[in-house]
Amino acid sequence: MSPNVFILMGVAASGKTTIGTALANATNGLFFDGDDFHPESNKIKMSSGQPLTDADRLPWLHTIGKLSAQHANHPQPTFIACSALKNSYREIILSHNPTTTFLFLTAPPEILRQRLTQRQHFMPPSLLNSQLETLEPPANVLTLDTSLPLPQLLSSTLQKLNLPL
């Protein structure tokens, strides 16, 4: 069986929700925004401009891993937006579902900053630098340049993942 759970990972404003929603819509799949699974204490901390610690993230990462495992055998693809910035974070998710596939979303920092200032979110633009410093780019995963136009990015991603429309 082909992997059917995809984690769209990257720093804030890299396009996780936008791309994940578009992929789910194009494939009749499911989309979950990892931000919805943060405990309220994490949201409050980020809203006040404080970066999360590994201890803050741990329960959230296990929740994302369990969500991935719950959808591992579903017939339709499942897309989950989750920053998964460090290798150790991705290992926690994989411990719940080893067939999870990570898609690494990237964009130049100036585009990320511009996107952050144009949206309403509990994470302020001031935390982008801490996310960029924390980020451990993954090896051997599909990297998506989200500065490309969405239709072009969606088409090439679906082709590379060999997902039916």
N, C-alpha and C. Protein backbone atom coordinates (compact mmCIF):
# COMPACT_ATOMS: atom_id res chain seq x y z
N MET A 1 0.84 -1.19 0.00
CA MET A 1 0.00 0.00 0.00
C MET A 1 0.88 1.25 0.00
N SER A 2 0.53 2.20 -0.82
CA SER A 2 1.28 3.45 -0.90
C SER A 2 0.98 4.32 0.31
N PRO A 3 1.96 5.12 0.72
CA PRO A 3 1.67 6.04 1.83
C PRO A 3 0.51 6.95 1.46
N ASN A 4 -0.36 7.19 2.40
CA ASN A 4 -1.48 8.08 2.11
C ASN A 4 -1.67 9.16 3.17
N VAL A 5 -0.70 9.29 4.09
CA VAL A 5 -0.73 10.40 5.06
C VAL A 5 0.50 11.26 4.78
N PHE A 6 0.22 12.53 4.53
CA PHE A 6 1.27 13.47 4.16
C PHE A 6 1.29 14.62 5.16
N ILE A 7 2.46 14.88 5.73
CA ILE A 7 2.65 16.01 6.63
C ILE A 7 3.28 17.13 5.82
N LEU A 8 2.57 18.26 5.75
CA LEU A 8 3.12 19.45 5.10
C LEU A 8 3.85 20.22 6.18
N MET A 9 5.17 20.22 6.09
CA MET A 9 6.01 20.78 7.15
C MET A 9 6.77 22.00 6.66
N GLY A 10 7.09 22.87 7.60
CA GLY A 10 7.86 24.06 7.30
C GLY A 10 7.55 25.13 8.33
N VAL A 11 8.24 26.23 8.22
CA VAL A 11 8.05 27.33 9.17
C VAL A 11 6.71 28.01 8.93
N ALA A 12 6.35 28.90 9.82
CA ALA A 12 5.12 29.67 9.69
C ALA A 12 5.10 30.40 8.35
N ALA A 13 3.94 30.42 7.73
CA ALA A 13 3.69 31.13 6.47
C ALA A 13 4.34 30.48 5.27
N SER A 14 4.80 29.23 5.42
CA SER A 14 5.38 28.54 4.27
C SER A 14 4.29 27.99 3.34
N GLY A 15 3.05 28.04 3.76
CA GLY A 15 1.95 27.62 2.90
C GLY A 15 1.33 26.29 3.27
N LYS A 16 1.57 25.82 4.48
CA LYS A 16 1.10 24.50 4.89
C LYS A 16 -0.42 24.35 4.76
N THR A 17 -1.15 25.31 5.27
CA THR A 17 -2.61 25.24 5.21
C THR A 17 -3.12 25.42 3.79
N THR A 18 -2.57 26.37 3.08
CA THR A 18 -3.00 26.64 1.70
C THR A 18 -2.76 25.43 0.81
N ILE A 19 -1.54 24.90 0.85
CA ILE A 19 -1.19 23.76 -0.01
C ILE A 19 -1.93 22.50 0.45
N GLY A 20 -2.00 22.28 1.75
CA GLY A 20 -2.69 21.10 2.27
C GLY A 20 -4.15 21.08 1.89
N THR A 21 -4.81 22.22 2.02
CA THR A 21 -6.22 22.32 1.63
C THR A 21 -6.39 22.08 0.14
N ALA A 22 -5.52 22.67 -0.66
CA ALA A 22 -5.60 22.50 -2.12
C ALA A 22 -5.37 21.04 -2.52
N LEU A 23 -4.40 20.38 -1.90
CA LEU A 23 -4.14 18.97 -2.21
C LEU A 23 -5.32 18.10 -1.80
N ALA A 24 -5.88 18.37 -0.63
CA ALA A 24 -7.04 17.59 -0.18
C ALA A 24 -8.23 17.79 -1.12
N ASN A 25 -8.47 19.02 -1.52
CA ASN A 25 -9.58 19.29 -2.44
C ASN A 25 -9.37 18.61 -3.79
N ALA A 26 -8.15 18.64 -4.28
CA ALA A 26 -7.85 18.07 -5.60
C ALA A 26 -7.95 16.54 -5.62
N THR A 27 -7.74 15.91 -4.47
CA THR A 27 -7.71 14.45 -4.41
C THR A 27 -8.92 13.85 -3.68
N ASN A 28 -9.87 14.70 -3.31
CA ASN A 28 -11.00 14.26 -2.49
C ASN A 28 -10.50 13.66 -1.18
N GLY A 29 -9.42 14.23 -0.68
CA GLY A 29 -8.81 13.75 0.55
C GLY A 29 -9.26 14.56 1.75
N LEU A 30 -8.56 14.37 2.85
CA LEU A 30 -8.85 15.06 4.10
C LEU A 30 -7.71 16.03 4.42
N PHE A 31 -8.05 17.12 5.09
CA PHE A 31 -7.03 18.06 5.54
C PHE A 31 -7.25 18.37 7.01
N PHE A 32 -6.16 18.38 7.76
CA PHE A 32 -6.17 18.77 9.17
C PHE A 32 -5.08 19.80 9.38
N ASP A 33 -5.43 20.91 10.04
CA ASP A 33 -4.44 21.93 10.36
C ASP A 33 -3.89 21.64 11.75
N GLY A 34 -2.60 21.34 11.83
CA GLY A 34 -1.97 21.01 13.10
C GLY A 34 -2.15 22.09 14.15
N ASP A 35 -2.28 23.35 13.74
CA ASP A 35 -2.49 24.43 14.70
C ASP A 35 -3.74 24.21 15.53
N ASP A 36 -4.74 23.54 14.95
CA ASP A 36 -5.98 23.28 15.68
C ASP A 36 -5.79 22.30 16.84
N PHE A 37 -4.66 21.60 16.86
CA PHE A 37 -4.40 20.59 17.87
C PHE A 37 -3.45 21.06 18.97
N HIS A 38 -2.96 22.31 18.85
CA HIS A 38 -2.12 22.88 19.91
C HIS A 38 -2.96 23.07 21.16
N PRO A 39 -2.42 22.76 22.33
CA PRO A 39 -3.14 23.11 23.55
C PRO A 39 -3.23 24.64 23.67
N GLU A 40 -4.24 25.09 24.37
CA GLU A 40 -4.44 26.53 24.52
C GLU A 40 -3.21 27.21 25.12
N SER A 41 -2.50 26.51 26.01
CA SER A 41 -1.30 27.10 26.63
C SER A 41 -0.24 27.43 25.57
N ASN A 42 -0.10 26.59 24.55
CA ASN A 42 0.86 26.87 23.47
C ASN A 42 0.42 28.09 22.66
N LYS A 43 -0.87 28.17 22.37
CA LYS A 43 -1.37 29.31 21.60
C LYS A 43 -1.16 30.61 22.36
N ILE A 44 -1.42 30.58 23.65
CA ILE A 44 -1.23 31.78 24.49
C ILE A 44 0.25 32.18 24.50
N LYS A 45 1.11 31.20 24.66
CA LYS A 45 2.55 31.47 24.70
C LYS A 45 3.01 32.11 23.39
N MET A 46 2.60 31.51 22.26
CA MET A 46 3.01 32.06 20.96
C MET A 46 2.41 33.45 20.74
N SER A 47 1.14 33.63 21.13
CA SER A 47 0.48 34.94 20.96
C SER A 47 1.23 36.04 21.69
N SER A 48 1.87 35.68 22.80
CA SER A 48 2.61 36.68 23.57
C SER A 48 4.03 36.88 23.04
N GLY A 49 4.36 36.20 21.92
CA GLY A 49 5.67 36.38 21.30
C GLY A 49 6.74 35.47 21.83
N GLN A 50 6.38 34.46 22.62
CA GLN A 50 7.36 33.52 23.17
C GLN A 50 7.42 32.26 22.30
N PRO A 51 8.61 31.87 21.87
CA PRO A 51 8.73 30.62 21.11
C PRO A 51 8.44 29.42 22.00
N LEU A 52 7.90 28.37 21.40
CA LEU A 52 7.65 27.14 22.14
C LEU A 52 8.95 26.39 22.38
N THR A 53 9.00 25.70 23.49
CA THR A 53 10.13 24.83 23.79
C THR A 53 9.82 23.42 23.30
N ASP A 54 10.82 22.56 23.31
CA ASP A 54 10.59 21.16 22.95
C ASP A 54 9.55 20.54 23.88
N ALA A 55 9.61 20.88 25.17
CA ALA A 55 8.65 20.34 26.14
C ALA A 55 7.23 20.81 25.81
N ASP A 56 7.10 22.06 25.36
CA ASP A 56 5.77 22.56 24.96
C ASP A 56 5.23 21.78 23.77
N ARG A 57 6.11 21.45 22.85
CA ARG A 57 5.69 20.81 21.61
C ARG A 57 5.41 19.31 21.75
N LEU A 58 6.02 18.67 22.73
CA LEU A 58 5.96 17.21 22.83
C LEU A 58 4.54 16.64 22.80
N PRO A 59 3.62 17.07 23.66
CA PRO A 59 2.26 16.49 23.61
C PRO A 59 1.58 16.74 22.25
N TRP A 60 1.82 17.92 21.69
CA TRP A 60 1.24 18.27 20.40
C TRP A 60 1.77 17.35 19.30
N LEU A 61 3.06 17.07 19.31
CA LEU A 61 3.64 16.18 18.29
C LEU A 61 3.08 14.76 18.41
N HIS A 62 2.88 14.30 19.63
CA HIS A 62 2.26 12.97 19.80
C HIS A 62 0.82 12.98 19.29
N THR A 63 0.11 14.06 19.49
CA THR A 63 -1.26 14.17 18.97
C THR A 63 -1.25 14.11 17.44
N ILE A 64 -0.32 14.82 16.82
CA ILE A 64 -0.21 14.79 15.35
C ILE A 64 0.15 13.37 14.89
N GLY A 65 1.06 12.72 15.58
CA GLY A 65 1.43 11.34 15.25
C GLY A 65 0.25 10.40 15.35
N LYS A 66 -0.55 10.54 16.39
CA LYS A 66 -1.73 9.70 16.56
C LYS A 66 -2.75 9.97 15.46
N LEU A 67 -2.90 11.23 15.09
CA LEU A 67 -3.80 11.58 13.99
C LEU A 67 -3.34 10.91 12.69
N SER A 68 -2.04 10.95 12.45
CA SER A 68 -1.47 10.30 11.27
C SER A 68 -1.76 8.80 11.29
N ALA A 69 -1.57 8.18 12.44
CA ALA A 69 -1.82 6.73 12.56
C ALA A 69 -3.29 6.40 12.35
N GLN A 70 -4.19 7.25 12.84
CA GLN A 70 -5.63 7.01 12.68
C GLN A 70 -6.05 6.99 11.22
N HIS A 71 -5.30 7.69 10.38
CA HIS A 71 -5.68 7.82 8.98
C HIS A 71 -4.79 6.99 8.04
N ALA A 72 -3.91 6.21 8.60
CA ALA A 72 -2.94 5.46 7.79
C ALA A 72 -3.60 4.48 6.83
N ASN A 73 -4.74 3.92 7.18
CA ASN A 73 -5.38 2.92 6.33
C ASN A 73 -6.64 3.43 5.65
N HIS A 74 -6.87 4.72 5.71
CA HIS A 74 -8.04 5.28 5.02
C HIS A 74 -7.81 5.23 3.51
N PRO A 75 -8.86 5.04 2.76
CA PRO A 75 -8.69 4.95 1.30
C PRO A 75 -8.31 6.27 0.65
N GLN A 76 -8.73 7.39 1.22
CA GLN A 76 -8.39 8.67 0.63
C GLN A 76 -7.14 9.24 1.30
N PRO A 77 -6.37 10.06 0.58
CA PRO A 77 -5.18 10.66 1.19
C PRO A 77 -5.56 11.65 2.29
N THR A 78 -4.68 11.75 3.27
CA THR A 78 -4.85 12.68 4.37
C THR A 78 -3.65 13.62 4.40
N PHE A 79 -3.93 14.90 4.50
CA PHE A 79 -2.89 15.92 4.53
C PHE A 79 -2.98 16.64 5.87
N ILE A 80 -1.84 16.75 6.55
CA ILE A 80 -1.79 17.38 7.87
C ILE A 80 -0.72 18.48 7.84
N ALA A 81 -1.12 19.69 8.19
CA ALA A 81 -0.17 20.80 8.30
C ALA A 81 0.45 20.76 9.69
N CYS A 82 1.77 20.66 9.74
CA CYS A 82 2.49 20.60 11.02
C CYS A 82 3.91 21.08 10.77
N SER A 83 4.36 22.04 11.53
CA SER A 83 5.70 22.61 11.27
C SER A 83 6.80 21.55 11.30
N ALA A 84 6.77 20.62 12.25
CA ALA A 84 7.75 19.52 12.33
C ALA A 84 9.17 20.02 12.02
N LEU A 85 9.60 21.04 12.74
CA LEU A 85 10.83 21.75 12.41
C LEU A 85 12.11 20.94 12.61
N LYS A 86 12.12 20.04 13.57
CA LYS A 86 13.35 19.29 13.87
C LYS A 86 13.21 17.82 13.49
N ASN A 87 14.35 17.20 13.23
CA ASN A 87 14.35 15.77 12.95
C ASN A 87 13.71 14.99 14.09
N SER A 88 13.99 15.38 15.33
CA SER A 88 13.43 14.66 16.48
C SER A 88 11.90 14.78 16.51
N TYR A 89 11.35 15.90 16.03
CA TYR A 89 9.90 16.07 15.98
C TYR A 89 9.30 15.11 14.95
N ARG A 90 9.99 15.02 13.81
CA ARG A 90 9.49 14.12 12.75
C ARG A 90 9.58 12.66 13.21
N GLU A 91 10.62 12.34 13.99
CA GLU A 91 10.74 10.97 14.51
C GLU A 91 9.59 10.63 15.46
N ILE A 92 9.14 11.61 16.24
CA ILE A 92 8.00 11.37 17.13
C ILE A 92 6.76 11.05 16.30
N ILE A 93 6.52 11.82 15.26
CA ILE A 93 5.36 11.57 14.40
C ILE A 93 5.49 10.20 13.74
N LEU A 94 6.67 9.89 13.23
CA LEU A 94 6.89 8.60 12.57
C LEU A 94 6.76 7.43 13.53
N SER A 95 7.00 7.65 14.82
CA SER A 95 6.86 6.56 15.79
C SER A 95 5.42 6.08 15.88
N HIS A 96 4.49 6.92 15.51
CA HIS A 96 3.07 6.56 15.52
C HIS A 96 2.64 5.97 14.18
N ASN A 97 3.23 6.44 13.11
CA ASN A 97 2.89 5.94 11.76
C ASN A 97 4.14 6.03 10.88
N PRO A 98 4.88 4.92 10.78
CA PRO A 98 6.14 4.95 10.01
C PRO A 98 5.97 5.20 8.51
N THR A 99 4.74 5.10 8.01
CA THR A 99 4.54 5.33 6.57
C THR A 99 4.19 6.79 6.26
N THR A 100 4.21 7.65 7.26
CA THR A 100 3.95 9.07 7.04
C THR A 100 4.98 9.63 6.07
N THR A 101 4.50 10.43 5.12
CA THR A 101 5.37 11.08 4.14
C THR A 101 5.42 12.57 4.45
N PHE A 102 6.62 13.12 4.53
CA PHE A 102 6.79 14.55 4.79
C PHE A 102 7.01 15.29 3.49
N LEU A 103 6.35 16.44 3.36
CA LEU A 103 6.55 17.37 2.25
C LEU A 103 7.09 18.65 2.87
N PHE A 104 8.26 19.07 2.45
CA PHE A 104 8.94 20.23 3.03
C PHE A 104 8.63 21.48 2.22
N LEU A 105 7.91 22.41 2.82
CA LEU A 105 7.52 23.64 2.14
C LEU A 105 8.50 24.75 2.48
N THR A 106 8.97 25.41 1.44
CA THR A 106 9.95 26.48 1.61
C THR A 106 9.53 27.72 0.81
N ALA A 107 10.06 28.84 1.23
CA ALA A 107 9.92 30.11 0.51
C ALA A 107 10.98 31.03 1.08
N PRO A 108 11.40 32.01 0.30
CA PRO A 108 12.40 32.95 0.82
C PRO A 108 11.87 33.69 2.06
N PRO A 109 12.77 33.99 3.02
CA PRO A 109 12.34 34.66 4.26
C PRO A 109 11.53 35.93 4.05
N GLU A 110 11.87 36.71 3.01
CA GLU A 110 11.12 37.96 2.80
C GLU A 110 9.67 37.68 2.41
N ILE A 111 9.43 36.59 1.68
CA ILE A 111 8.05 36.22 1.33
C ILE A 111 7.32 35.72 2.58
N LEU A 112 8.02 34.93 3.40
CA LEU A 112 7.41 34.44 4.64
C LEU A 112 7.00 35.61 5.54
N ARG A 113 7.89 36.60 5.69
CA ARG A 113 7.58 37.76 6.53
C ARG A 113 6.38 38.53 5.99
N GLN A 114 6.35 38.70 4.67
CA GLN A 114 5.23 39.42 4.05
C GLN A 114 3.92 38.67 4.31
N ARG A 115 3.92 37.36 4.14
CA ARG A 115 2.71 36.57 4.39
C ARG A 115 2.26 36.68 5.85
N LEU A 116 3.22 36.63 6.76
CA LEU A 116 2.88 36.70 8.19
C LEU A 116 2.23 38.03 8.56
N THR A 117 2.67 39.10 7.95
CA THR A 117 2.10 40.41 8.27
C THR A 117 0.72 40.60 7.65
N GLN A 118 0.37 39.75 6.70
CA GLN A 118 -0.92 39.90 6.00
C GLN A 118 -1.99 38.95 6.51
N ARG A 119 -1.75 38.25 7.62
CA ARG A 119 -2.75 37.29 8.09
C ARG A 119 -3.03 37.47 9.58
N GLN A 120 -4.18 36.98 9.97
CA GLN A 120 -4.56 36.95 11.38
C GLN A 120 -4.24 35.56 11.90
N HIS A 121 -3.37 35.47 12.88
CA HIS A 121 -2.95 34.18 13.42
C HIS A 121 -2.41 34.40 14.82
N PHE A 122 -2.44 33.35 15.63
CA PHE A 122 -1.93 33.51 16.99
C PHE A 122 -0.42 33.63 17.06
N MET A 123 0.28 33.28 15.97
CA MET A 123 1.73 33.39 15.97
C MET A 123 2.15 34.70 15.30
N PRO A 124 2.78 35.59 16.05
CA PRO A 124 3.18 36.87 15.46
C PRO A 124 4.40 36.74 14.55
N PRO A 125 4.56 37.67 13.61
CA PRO A 125 5.72 37.64 12.70
C PRO A 125 7.06 37.64 13.44
N SER A 126 7.08 38.15 14.66
CA SER A 126 8.34 38.22 15.42
C SER A 126 8.93 36.84 15.72
N LEU A 127 8.11 35.79 15.65
CA LEU A 127 8.61 34.44 15.95
C LEU A 127 9.20 33.72 14.73
N LEU A 128 9.12 34.34 13.56
CA LEU A 128 9.65 33.69 12.36
C LEU A 128 11.14 33.38 12.51
N ASN A 129 11.91 34.33 13.03
CA ASN A 129 13.35 34.09 13.15
C ASN A 129 13.66 32.88 14.03
N SER A 130 12.91 32.71 15.13
CA SER A 130 13.17 31.56 15.99
C SER A 130 12.83 30.26 15.27
N GLN A 131 11.80 30.29 14.43
CA GLN A 131 11.47 29.08 13.66
C GLN A 131 12.55 28.79 12.63
N LEU A 132 13.03 29.81 11.95
CA LEU A 132 14.10 29.60 10.96
C LEU A 132 15.37 29.07 11.62
N GLU A 133 15.65 29.54 12.85
CA GLU A 133 16.83 29.06 13.58
C GLU A 133 16.65 27.62 14.05
N THR A 134 15.43 27.25 14.40
CA THR A 134 15.13 25.91 14.89
C THR A 134 15.08 24.89 13.75
N LEU A 135 14.69 25.33 12.57
CA LEU A 135 14.48 24.43 11.43
C LEU A 135 15.70 23.58 11.11
N GLU A 136 15.47 22.28 11.06
CA GLU A 136 16.45 21.31 10.56
C GLU A 136 15.87 20.75 9.27
N PRO A 137 16.30 21.29 8.12
CA PRO A 137 15.71 20.82 6.86
C PRO A 137 15.85 19.31 6.72
N PRO A 138 14.78 18.65 6.33
CA PRO A 138 14.82 17.20 6.20
C PRO A 138 15.56 16.77 4.94
N ALA A 139 16.10 15.57 5.00
CA ALA A 139 16.76 14.99 3.83
C ALA A 139 15.80 13.99 3.19
N ASN A 140 15.96 13.80 1.92
CA ASN A 140 15.22 12.76 1.19
C ASN A 140 13.71 12.89 1.27
N VAL A 141 13.21 14.12 1.20
CA VAL A 141 11.78 14.36 1.13
C VAL A 141 11.51 15.29 -0.05
N LEU A 142 10.27 15.32 -0.49
CA LEU A 142 9.90 16.23 -1.57
C LEU A 142 9.87 17.64 -1.01
N THR A 143 10.64 18.54 -1.62
CA THR A 143 10.69 19.94 -1.21
C THR A 143 9.87 20.75 -2.20
N LEU A 144 8.97 21.56 -1.67
CA LEU A 144 8.08 22.37 -2.50
C LEU A 144 8.37 23.84 -2.29
N ASP A 145 8.66 24.56 -3.38
CA ASP A 145 8.90 25.99 -3.32
C ASP A 145 7.56 26.70 -3.41
N THR A 146 7.06 27.17 -2.26
CA THR A 146 5.73 27.75 -2.22
C THR A 146 5.68 29.20 -2.69
N SER A 147 6.80 29.70 -3.22
CA SER A 147 6.75 31.02 -3.84
C SER A 147 6.23 30.89 -5.28
N LEU A 148 6.11 29.66 -5.78
CA LEU A 148 5.55 29.42 -7.11
C LEU A 148 4.04 29.64 -7.07
N PRO A 149 3.42 29.94 -8.22
CA PRO A 149 1.96 30.08 -8.25
C PRO A 149 1.30 28.77 -7.83
N LEU A 150 0.21 28.89 -7.05
CA LEU A 150 -0.46 27.71 -6.50
C LEU A 150 -0.86 26.68 -7.56
N PRO A 151 -1.47 27.07 -8.69
CA PRO A 151 -1.85 26.03 -9.66
C PRO A 151 -0.65 25.22 -10.17
N GLN A 152 0.46 25.90 -10.42
CA GLN A 152 1.67 25.23 -10.89
C GLN A 152 2.22 24.29 -9.81
N LEU A 153 2.27 24.78 -8.58
CA LEU A 153 2.77 23.98 -7.47
C LEU A 153 1.88 22.77 -7.22
N LEU A 154 0.59 22.95 -7.26
CA LEU A 154 -0.36 21.87 -7.04
C LEU A 154 -0.22 20.79 -8.11
N SER A 155 -0.18 21.19 -9.34
CA SER A 155 -0.06 20.25 -10.45
C SER A 155 1.22 19.42 -10.36
N SER A 156 2.34 20.09 -10.12
CA SER A 156 3.61 19.36 -10.07
C SER A 156 3.68 18.45 -8.84
N THR A 157 3.08 18.89 -7.73
CA THR A 157 3.10 18.07 -6.51
C THR A 157 2.26 16.81 -6.69
N LEU A 158 1.07 16.96 -7.25
CA LEU A 158 0.22 15.79 -7.49
C LEU A 158 0.91 14.79 -8.42
N GLN A 159 1.60 15.31 -9.42
CA GLN A 159 2.33 14.44 -10.35
C GLN A 159 3.47 13.72 -9.65
N LYS A 160 4.24 14.45 -8.85
CA LYS A 160 5.38 13.85 -8.15
C LYS A 160 4.93 12.81 -7.11
N LEU A 161 3.78 13.03 -6.49
CA LEU A 161 3.27 12.10 -5.50
C LEU A 161 2.46 10.97 -6.13
N ASN A 162 2.22 11.09 -7.44
CA ASN A 162 1.44 10.10 -8.17
C ASN A 162 0.07 9.90 -7.52
N LEU A 163 -0.56 11.02 -7.17
CA LEU A 163 -1.90 10.98 -6.58
C LEU A 163 -2.95 11.23 -7.65
N PRO A 164 -3.98 10.42 -7.66
CA PRO A 164 -5.05 10.63 -8.66
C PRO A 164 -5.88 11.85 -8.32
N LEU A 165 -6.39 12.46 -9.36
CA LEU A 165 -7.29 13.62 -9.17
C LEU A 165 -8.72 13.14 -9.05
